[in-house]
Amino acid sequence: MNMREVELSGHIIDSLILPKTMDIIMDMGGDFKILEFEVGKKKTDTSHARILVSSETPEHLNEILDELSEIGAAIAEIKEIKLVASEKDRVLPSDFYSTTNHPTFVYYKDEWIEVEEIEMDCMIVIEPRDKKAFCKPIGRVEKDDLIVVGREGIKVTPPERPRGKQGVFEFMNSDVSSEKPLMSLIKKIASEIKEIKQRGGKIAIVGGPAIVHTGSAPIIAQMIKEGYIDVIFAGNAMATHDIENALYGTSLGICVRSGEAVTRGHRHHINAINEINKQGSIKDAVDNGVLKKGIMYECVKNNVPFVLAGSIRDDGPLPDVITDVIEAQDAMRIYAQDVDMVIMIATMLHSIATGNILPSKVKSICVDINPATVTKLADRGSAQVVSIVTDVGAFLPILLDELKK
């Protein structure tokens, strides 16, 4: 039998890490023996376990160890990471290590080094001269980059659920459901927002066009104006319909106030794009007095950065939209590592894309009337996301009201 010892440390009982470890080993056809188990007796105490994992072949054992590393099990015997240089741009060694979105450390030259700019599905690249480790997506890997391979010398620290109540962001909260107590959740979210802003933290909004369709654009605009929002991720649609609403009072040709179709209103979103094209950019339209209100207006007036990422469906698009998806990813990454909370509102594709580049330490909320959106986020590894299945038109007014209290 091939055997390796793994260690678990932290709130491994409350976070269900210990039973998950056993389940993974047994489900994958391996065997285990608990060598050491110390249980924390106080709420602040951590627990520790040392487990001998065994399997019939080295390859199968490595597969089990790979799965265990995803939940925070570390190989007890510390060895230095293995590095292999990339043969050419965007080409990886065959045994490359693929990251999670959890805090990750590598053992390099006799010390543990934290991997910078952590996100899921990336590679760990070592800079020997500065003794640094950082994440790179495969599209940014260059020839001769030193890529971490195998499992040795890698330690992952997933979020834990400490004993006692931790509010709305208690890790591993309940399943996706439309029957959660909405008012209570929103009050807790508002409290978290205030706490983050009081200590100088940053909050991002990931928004879809439904924000405008439901008449909630003035609420987001007011939150920007009052300093609650520090960056916005969106697509061409949200920005276009926000500008359409600001110029013509419609969204997709429907009057936002009355909900009635406007004659020839189907042209309004193209008119909106055309007006911005005439000015050269959204900022120029604000500076020239063409755009006088709305989400994008408040972003410009309050120096709140925004990243508009294009898609194949876009009309126009607006001149500020980044149509190269890799460039859009990189633009979002600039802000993703620096925020403390992200609120994803009524946009499946942008929510999942943002979840993919966020570290798991970032407090994340997904608000969508479609349960599939929040389910897919969890399925793709964003387990830290708090899900709220409700209409954005109901969520945002209550949130703003709670923030004012």
Protein backbone atom coordinates (compact mmCIF):
# COMPACT_ATOMS: atom_id res chain seq x y z
CA MET A 1 0.00 0.00 0.00
CA ASN A 2 1.09 3.57 -0.74
CA MET A 3 0.64 5.87 2.25
CA ARG A 4 0.96 9.56 3.16
CA GLU A 5 0.09 11.45 6.31
CA VAL A 6 -2.16 14.52 6.08
CA GLU A 7 -2.96 17.12 8.72
CA LEU A 8 -6.12 19.09 9.44
CA SER A 9 -6.13 22.13 11.69
CA GLY A 10 -8.72 24.75 12.63
CA HIS A 11 -12.47 24.52 13.23
CA ILE A 12 -12.48 21.19 11.41
CA ILE A 13 -15.57 19.84 13.19
CA ASP A 14 -17.86 22.87 12.91
CA SER A 15 -16.79 23.42 9.28
CA LEU A 16 -17.38 19.71 8.53
CA ILE A 17 -13.84 19.44 7.17
CA LEU A 18 -13.07 16.29 9.18
CA PRO A 19 -16.12 14.26 8.01
CA LYS A 20 -15.61 15.55 4.46
CA THR A 21 -12.03 14.26 4.57
CA MET A 22 -13.21 10.79 5.55
CA ASP A 23 -15.98 10.85 2.93
CA ILE A 24 -13.54 11.78 0.14
CA ILE A 25 -11.10 9.01 1.07
CA MET A 26 -13.80 6.33 1.24
CA ASP A 27 -15.73 7.54 -1.83
CA MET A 28 -12.52 7.41 -3.88
CA GLY A 29 -11.73 3.87 -2.78
CA GLY A 30 -8.89 4.69 -0.39
CA ASP A 31 -8.36 3.84 3.25
CA PHE A 32 -7.42 5.88 6.31
CA LYS A 33 -6.32 5.62 9.92
CA ILE A 34 -6.62 8.47 12.43
CA LEU A 35 -3.21 8.80 14.09
CA GLU A 36 -3.94 11.84 16.23
CA PHE A 37 -7.06 13.85 17.08
CA GLU A 38 -7.18 16.82 19.47
CA VAL A 39 -10.53 18.58 19.95
CA GLY A 40 -10.71 22.25 20.96
CA LYS A 41 -12.74 22.59 24.14
CA LYS A 42 -13.52 26.31 24.01
CA LYS A 43 -15.23 28.33 21.28
CA THR A 44 -11.96 29.99 20.34
CA ASP A 45 -9.95 26.75 20.41
CA THR A 46 -9.05 24.97 17.20
CA SER A 47 -8.91 21.22 16.63
CA HIS A 48 -6.13 19.18 15.07
CA ALA A 49 -6.07 15.80 13.33
CA ARG A 50 -3.35 13.69 11.72
CA ILE A 51 -4.59 11.01 9.31
CA LEU A 52 -2.73 8.26 7.44
CA VAL A 53 -4.17 7.95 3.92
CA SER A 54 -3.45 4.84 1.87
CA SER A 55 -4.21 3.49 -1.59
CA GLU A 56 -3.12 0.65 -3.86
CA THR A 57 -1.23 2.78 -6.41
CA PRO A 58 0.80 6.00 -6.18
CA GLU A 59 -1.33 7.55 -8.91
CA HIS A 60 -4.56 6.84 -7.07
CA LEU A 61 -3.10 8.14 -3.81
CA ASN A 62 -2.14 11.39 -5.54
CA GLU A 63 -5.70 11.74 -6.85
CA ILE A 64 -7.05 11.40 -3.30
CA LEU A 65 -4.51 13.90 -1.98
CA ASP A 66 -5.50 16.36 -4.70
CA GLU A 67 -9.14 16.20 -3.60
CA LEU A 68 -8.20 16.52 0.07
CA SER A 69 -6.11 19.61 -0.63
CA GLU A 70 -9.23 21.35 -1.96
CA ILE A 71 -10.76 21.30 1.53
CA GLY A 72 -7.59 22.24 3.40
CA ALA A 73 -5.85 18.95 4.20
CA ALA A 74 -2.07 19.44 4.07
CA ILE A 75 0.55 16.74 3.59
CA ALA A 76 2.28 16.33 6.96
CA GLU A 77 5.75 15.77 5.56
CA ILE A 78 6.90 19.17 4.29
CA LYS A 79 8.84 19.11 1.05
CA GLU A 80 9.79 22.01 -1.20
CA ILE A 81 7.60 22.73 -4.21
CA LYS A 82 8.61 21.35 -7.58
CA LEU A 83 9.07 23.82 -10.43
CA VAL A 84 9.08 23.26 -14.18
CA ALA A 85 9.69 26.01 -16.73
CA SER A 86 7.03 26.63 -19.39
CA GLU A 87 8.22 25.53 -22.84
CA LYS A 88 6.37 28.32 -24.64
CA ASP A 89 3.76 31.01 -24.14
CA ARG A 90 0.38 29.70 -22.86
CA VAL A 91 1.73 26.13 -22.47
CA LEU A 92 1.89 24.40 -19.07
CA PRO A 93 3.90 21.43 -17.76
CA SER A 94 1.80 18.28 -17.77
CA ASP A 95 1.59 17.98 -13.97
CA PHE A 96 0.75 21.66 -13.27
CA TYR A 97 -1.03 22.58 -10.04
CA SER A 98 -4.41 24.26 -10.58
CA THR A 99 -5.38 26.72 -7.83
CA THR A 100 -8.50 27.10 -5.74
CA ASN A 101 -9.80 30.54 -4.68
CA HIS A 102 -8.71 29.93 -1.08
CA PRO A 103 -5.61 31.44 0.56
CA THR A 104 -2.69 29.30 -0.61
CA PHE A 105 0.91 28.96 0.57
CA VAL A 106 3.93 27.28 -1.03
CA TYR A 107 7.07 26.01 0.68
CA TYR A 108 10.00 27.57 -1.14
CA LYS A 109 13.59 27.93 0.06
CA ASP A 110 12.80 26.84 3.63
CA GLU A 111 9.79 29.07 4.24
CA TRP A 112 6.06 29.27 3.53
CA ILE A 113 5.21 32.01 1.01
CA GLU A 114 1.64 33.19 0.43
CA VAL A 115 0.49 33.08 -3.19
CA GLU A 116 -0.48 36.59 -4.28
CA GLU A 117 -3.56 37.49 -6.34
CA ILE A 118 -5.17 34.13 -5.63
CA GLU A 119 -8.08 32.98 -7.80
CA MET A 120 -9.40 29.64 -8.93
CA ASP A 121 -8.24 27.70 -12.01
CA CYS A 122 -4.89 29.47 -12.32
CA MET A 123 -1.26 28.42 -12.11
CA ILE A 124 1.26 29.30 -9.39
CA VAL A 125 4.30 31.04 -10.83
CA ILE A 126 7.47 31.61 -8.80
CA GLU A 127 9.66 34.68 -9.15
CA PRO A 128 13.02 33.42 -7.70
CA ARG A 129 14.72 36.81 -7.63
CA ASP A 130 12.04 38.36 -5.39
CA LYS A 131 11.13 35.06 -3.72
CA LYS A 132 7.46 35.62 -4.57
CA ALA A 133 4.62 33.39 -5.69
CA PHE A 134 1.63 34.64 -7.65
CA CYS A 135 -1.29 33.40 -9.76
CA LYS A 136 -1.38 33.45 -13.53
CA PRO A 137 -4.21 32.33 -15.82
CA ILE A 138 -3.08 30.05 -18.62
CA GLY A 139 -3.57 32.80 -21.20
CA ARG A 140 -0.92 34.93 -19.46
CA VAL A 141 1.73 32.23 -18.96
CA GLU A 142 4.98 33.07 -20.76
CA LYS A 143 7.89 30.97 -21.95
CA ASP A 144 10.33 30.11 -19.12
CA ASP A 145 7.83 30.95 -16.35
CA LEU A 146 8.55 28.69 -13.37
CA ILE A 147 5.30 26.76 -12.81
CA VAL A 148 4.52 24.83 -9.62
CA VAL A 149 3.80 21.17 -10.41
CA GLY A 150 2.60 18.23 -8.32
CA ARG A 151 1.26 18.43 -4.76
CA GLU A 152 4.39 18.80 -2.63
CA GLY A 153 4.91 21.97 -0.62
CA ILE A 154 1.40 23.40 -1.14
CA LYS A 155 -0.95 24.37 1.68
CA VAL A 156 -4.54 25.58 1.15
CA THR A 157 -6.60 27.35 3.85
CA PRO A 158 -10.33 27.30 3.05
CA PRO A 159 -12.85 29.47 4.97
CA GLU A 160 -14.04 27.97 8.22
CA ARG A 161 -17.19 28.20 10.27
CA PRO A 162 -16.14 29.10 13.83
CA ARG A 163 -18.30 28.14 16.76
CA GLY A 164 -21.06 30.60 17.51
CA LYS A 165 -23.09 32.80 15.21
CA GLN A 166 -21.25 34.84 12.57
CA GLY A 167 -24.15 36.76 11.02
CA VAL A 168 -25.17 36.62 7.38
CA PHE A 169 -21.72 35.55 6.19
CA GLU A 170 -21.46 32.47 8.36
CA PHE A 171 -19.62 30.05 6.11
CA MET A 172 -21.64 27.18 4.63
CA ASN A 173 -25.01 28.78 5.21
CA SER A 174 -28.31 27.19 4.16
CA ASP A 175 -29.10 25.95 0.68
CA VAL A 176 -30.47 28.15 -2.09
CA SER A 177 -34.07 28.98 -1.30
CA SER A 178 -36.64 31.70 -1.97
CA GLU A 179 -38.06 31.11 1.52
CA LYS A 180 -35.25 32.73 3.49
CA PRO A 181 -36.26 35.64 5.76
CA LEU A 182 -35.61 38.48 3.31
CA MET A 183 -35.95 41.42 5.71
CA SER A 184 -33.61 39.87 8.24
CA LEU A 185 -30.99 39.10 5.59
CA ILE A 186 -31.10 42.62 4.14
CA LYS A 187 -30.72 44.17 7.59
CA LYS A 188 -27.62 42.06 8.20
CA ILE A 189 -26.22 42.94 4.76
CA ALA A 190 -26.77 46.65 5.42
CA SER A 191 -24.99 46.27 8.76
CA GLU A 192 -22.04 44.53 7.05
CA ILE A 193 -21.87 47.29 4.42
CA LYS A 194 -21.75 49.97 7.10
CA GLU A 195 -19.05 48.11 9.02
CA ILE A 196 -16.92 47.70 5.89
CA LYS A 197 -17.22 51.36 4.93
CA GLN A 198 -16.49 52.54 8.48
CA ARG A 199 -13.13 50.76 8.44
CA GLY A 200 -12.29 52.06 4.96
CA GLY A 201 -13.12 48.89 3.04
CA LYS A 202 -14.33 48.68 -0.54
CA ILE A 203 -17.54 47.31 -2.07
CA ALA A 204 -18.17 46.29 -5.67
CA ILE A 205 -21.47 45.93 -7.52
CA VAL A 206 -21.89 43.44 -10.36
CA GLY A 207 -25.01 44.60 -12.16
CA GLY A 208 -27.33 43.43 -14.90
CA PRO A 209 -29.85 45.44 -16.96
CA ALA A 210 -32.72 44.28 -14.73
CA ILE A 211 -31.54 46.96 -12.29
CA VAL A 212 -32.75 49.53 -14.82
CA HIS A 213 -35.76 47.56 -16.06
CA THR A 214 -37.17 47.35 -12.51
CA GLY A 215 -36.75 51.07 -11.90
CA SER A 216 -33.90 50.55 -9.41
CA ALA A 217 -31.23 52.55 -11.27
CA PRO A 218 -31.78 55.66 -9.05
CA ILE A 219 -31.13 53.53 -5.97
CA ILE A 220 -27.75 52.29 -7.24
CA ALA A 221 -26.97 55.86 -8.37
CA GLN A 222 -27.74 57.14 -4.88
CA MET A 223 -25.59 54.44 -3.26
CA ILE A 224 -22.70 55.53 -5.48
CA LYS A 225 -23.29 59.19 -4.61
CA GLU A 226 -23.34 58.44 -0.89
CA GLY A 227 -20.08 56.48 -1.06
CA TYR A 228 -21.32 52.93 -0.53
CA ILE A 229 -20.03 51.61 -3.88
CA ASP A 230 -16.38 51.73 -4.96
CA VAL A 231 -16.37 49.89 -8.32
CA ILE A 232 -18.91 48.52 -10.81
CA PHE A 233 -18.65 45.48 -13.06
CA ALA A 234 -21.30 45.26 -15.78
CA GLY A 235 -21.88 44.72 -19.46
CA ASN A 236 -22.92 46.91 -22.33
CA ALA A 237 -26.61 46.29 -21.55
CA MET A 238 -26.77 47.75 -18.04
CA ALA A 239 -24.81 50.87 -19.03
CA THR A 240 -26.80 51.35 -22.24
CA HIS A 241 -30.20 51.04 -20.57
CA ASP A 242 -29.10 53.26 -17.69
CA ILE A 243 -28.15 55.94 -20.21
CA GLU A 244 -31.37 55.31 -22.17
CA ASN A 245 -33.32 55.80 -18.96
CA ALA A 246 -31.43 59.00 -18.15
CA LEU A 247 -32.00 60.46 -21.63
CA TYR A 248 -35.49 59.21 -22.50
CA GLY A 249 -37.03 57.76 -19.33
CA THR A 250 -37.29 54.31 -20.92
CA SER A 251 -35.56 50.94 -20.67
CA LEU A 252 -35.79 48.80 -23.82
CA GLY A 253 -38.45 51.23 -24.99
CA ILE A 254 -40.66 50.74 -21.92
CA CYS A 255 -41.39 53.78 -19.76
CA VAL A 256 -39.74 53.05 -16.40
CA ARG A 257 -42.34 55.06 -14.46
CA SER A 258 -45.56 53.80 -16.09
CA GLY A 259 -44.44 50.42 -17.45
CA GLU A 260 -46.06 51.23 -20.81
CA ALA A 261 -44.50 50.89 -24.23
CA VAL A 262 -43.44 54.18 -25.82
CA THR A 263 -44.00 54.86 -29.51
CA ARG A 264 -40.86 53.96 -31.42
CA GLY A 265 -39.24 53.28 -28.08
CA HIS A 266 -37.40 50.31 -29.57
CA ARG A 267 -34.97 52.85 -31.06
CA HIS A 268 -34.09 54.45 -27.74
CA HIS A 269 -31.22 52.18 -26.72
CA ILE A 270 -29.60 52.69 -30.13
CA ASN A 271 -30.19 56.43 -29.76
CA ALA A 272 -28.48 56.29 -26.37
CA ILE A 273 -25.41 54.55 -27.81
CA ASN A 274 -25.36 57.02 -30.69
CA GLU A 275 -25.41 60.01 -28.34
CA ILE A 276 -22.46 58.66 -26.36
CA ASN A 277 -20.60 57.85 -29.58
CA LYS A 278 -21.04 61.47 -30.62
CA GLN A 279 -19.36 62.62 -27.40
CA GLY A 280 -16.60 60.02 -27.53
CA SER A 281 -17.10 58.37 -24.12
CA ILE A 282 -19.43 58.25 -21.14
CA LYS A 283 -17.17 60.66 -19.24
CA ASP A 284 -17.19 63.12 -22.14
CA ALA A 285 -20.99 62.92 -22.24
CA VAL A 286 -21.11 63.84 -18.54
CA ASP A 287 -18.51 66.60 -18.87
CA ASN A 288 -20.36 68.08 -21.87
CA GLY A 289 -23.71 68.13 -20.06
CA VAL A 290 -25.35 65.50 -22.29
CA LEU A 291 -25.67 62.85 -19.56
CA LYS A 292 -27.10 64.41 -16.40
CA LYS A 293 -28.19 61.55 -14.13
CA GLY A 294 -28.11 57.81 -13.61
CA ILE A 295 -25.65 55.12 -12.55
CA MET A 296 -22.97 55.92 -15.11
CA TYR A 297 -23.34 59.66 -14.44
CA GLU A 298 -22.71 59.15 -10.71
CA CYS A 299 -19.72 56.89 -11.45
CA VAL A 300 -18.09 59.70 -13.44
CA LYS A 301 -19.03 62.44 -10.96
CA ASN A 302 -17.78 60.47 -7.94
CA ASN A 303 -14.68 58.93 -9.56
CA VAL A 304 -16.02 55.40 -9.15
CA PRO A 305 -14.29 53.13 -11.69
CA PHE A 306 -16.34 50.78 -13.84
CA VAL A 307 -15.47 47.84 -16.07
CA LEU A 308 -17.92 47.18 -18.90
CA ALA A 309 -17.25 43.80 -20.50
CA GLY A 310 -18.81 43.07 -23.88
CA SER A 311 -20.61 39.99 -25.17
CA ILE A 312 -21.69 38.58 -28.54
CA ARG A 313 -25.21 40.01 -28.02
CA ASP A 314 -24.19 43.65 -27.68
CA ASP A 315 -25.62 46.48 -29.76
CA GLY A 316 -23.07 49.16 -30.51
CA PRO A 317 -21.41 48.68 -28.09
CA LEU A 318 -20.77 51.82 -26.08
CA PRO A 319 -17.24 53.21 -26.64
CA ASP A 320 -16.28 52.37 -23.02
CA VAL A 321 -17.08 48.66 -23.44
CA ILE A 322 -14.08 46.30 -23.51
CA THR A 323 -14.80 43.84 -26.32
CA ASP A 324 -11.71 41.64 -25.85
CA VAL A 325 -12.69 39.14 -23.11
CA ILE A 326 -9.12 38.59 -21.90
CA GLU A 327 -8.58 42.34 -21.55
CA ALA A 328 -11.90 42.59 -19.70
CA GLN A 329 -10.80 39.83 -17.29
CA ASP A 330 -7.54 41.64 -16.58
CA ALA A 331 -9.39 44.92 -16.01
CA MET A 332 -11.69 43.22 -13.49
CA ARG A 333 -8.74 41.54 -11.75
CA ILE A 334 -7.26 44.95 -10.95
CA TYR A 335 -10.16 45.60 -8.57
CA ALA A 336 -11.20 42.06 -7.54
CA GLN A 337 -8.22 41.54 -5.22
CA ASP A 338 -8.83 44.86 -3.46
CA VAL A 339 -12.51 44.67 -2.49
CA ASP A 340 -14.00 43.46 0.78
CA MET A 341 -17.53 42.74 -0.47
CA VAL A 342 -19.15 42.07 -3.83
CA ILE A 343 -22.90 42.31 -4.41
CA MET A 344 -23.97 40.53 -7.61
CA ILE A 345 -27.36 41.68 -8.84
CA ALA A 346 -29.49 40.05 -11.55
CA THR A 347 -26.79 38.93 -13.97
CA MET A 348 -25.90 35.27 -14.32
CA LEU A 349 -22.88 35.48 -16.66
CA HIS A 350 -21.22 38.46 -15.00
CA SER A 351 -21.84 36.99 -11.53
CA ILE A 352 -20.21 33.69 -12.42
CA ALA A 353 -17.33 35.47 -14.18
CA THR A 354 -16.73 37.64 -11.13
CA GLY A 355 -16.98 34.68 -8.78
CA ASN A 356 -14.26 32.95 -10.80
CA ILE A 357 -11.73 35.72 -10.13
CA LEU A 358 -12.59 36.48 -6.49
CA PRO A 359 -10.59 35.17 -3.53
CA SER A 360 -12.82 33.17 -1.18
CA LYS A 361 -12.11 35.70 1.61
CA VAL A 362 -14.21 38.35 -0.18
CA LYS A 363 -17.72 38.53 1.29
CA SER A 364 -20.06 37.88 -1.62
CA ILE A 365 -23.82 38.20 -2.10
CA CYS A 366 -25.78 37.09 -5.16
CA VAL A 367 -29.30 38.48 -5.62
CA ASP A 368 -31.29 36.95 -8.46
CA ILE A 369 -34.86 35.88 -9.06
CA ASN A 370 -33.50 32.81 -10.86
CA PRO A 371 -32.25 30.16 -8.38
CA ALA A 372 -30.03 28.69 -11.11
CA THR A 373 -27.75 31.73 -10.95
CA VAL A 374 -26.75 31.27 -7.33
CA THR A 375 -26.66 27.48 -7.72
CA LYS A 376 -24.21 27.72 -10.62
CA LEU A 377 -22.00 30.06 -8.62
CA ALA A 378 -21.68 27.45 -5.88
CA ASP A 379 -21.19 24.64 -8.40
CA ARG A 380 -18.26 26.52 -9.93
CA GLY A 381 -16.44 26.86 -6.65
CA SER A 382 -17.76 30.14 -5.19
CA ALA A 383 -18.98 28.44 -2.02
CA GLN A 384 -18.61 31.63 0.04
CA VAL A 385 -21.51 33.36 -1.75
CA VAL A 386 -24.65 34.17 0.24
CA SER A 387 -27.64 33.57 -2.03
CA ILE A 388 -30.83 35.61 -2.01
CA VAL A 389 -33.53 34.47 -4.42
CA THR A 390 -35.77 37.49 -4.90
CA ASP A 391 -36.64 40.28 -7.32
CA VAL A 392 -34.01 43.01 -7.49
CA GLY A 393 -36.84 45.55 -7.53
CA ALA A 394 -37.79 44.42 -4.03
CA PHE A 395 -34.26 43.96 -2.68
CA LEU A 396 -32.63 47.30 -3.52
CA PRO A 397 -35.25 49.71 -2.06
CA ILE A 398 -35.21 47.83 1.24
CA LEU A 399 -31.41 47.77 1.28
CA LEU A 400 -31.19 51.53 0.73
CA ASP A 401 -33.79 52.12 3.42
CA GLU A 402 -31.77 50.02 5.91
CA LEU A 403 -28.57 51.88 5.01
CA LYS A 404 -30.28 55.20 5.82
CA LYS A 405 -31.36 54.06 9.30
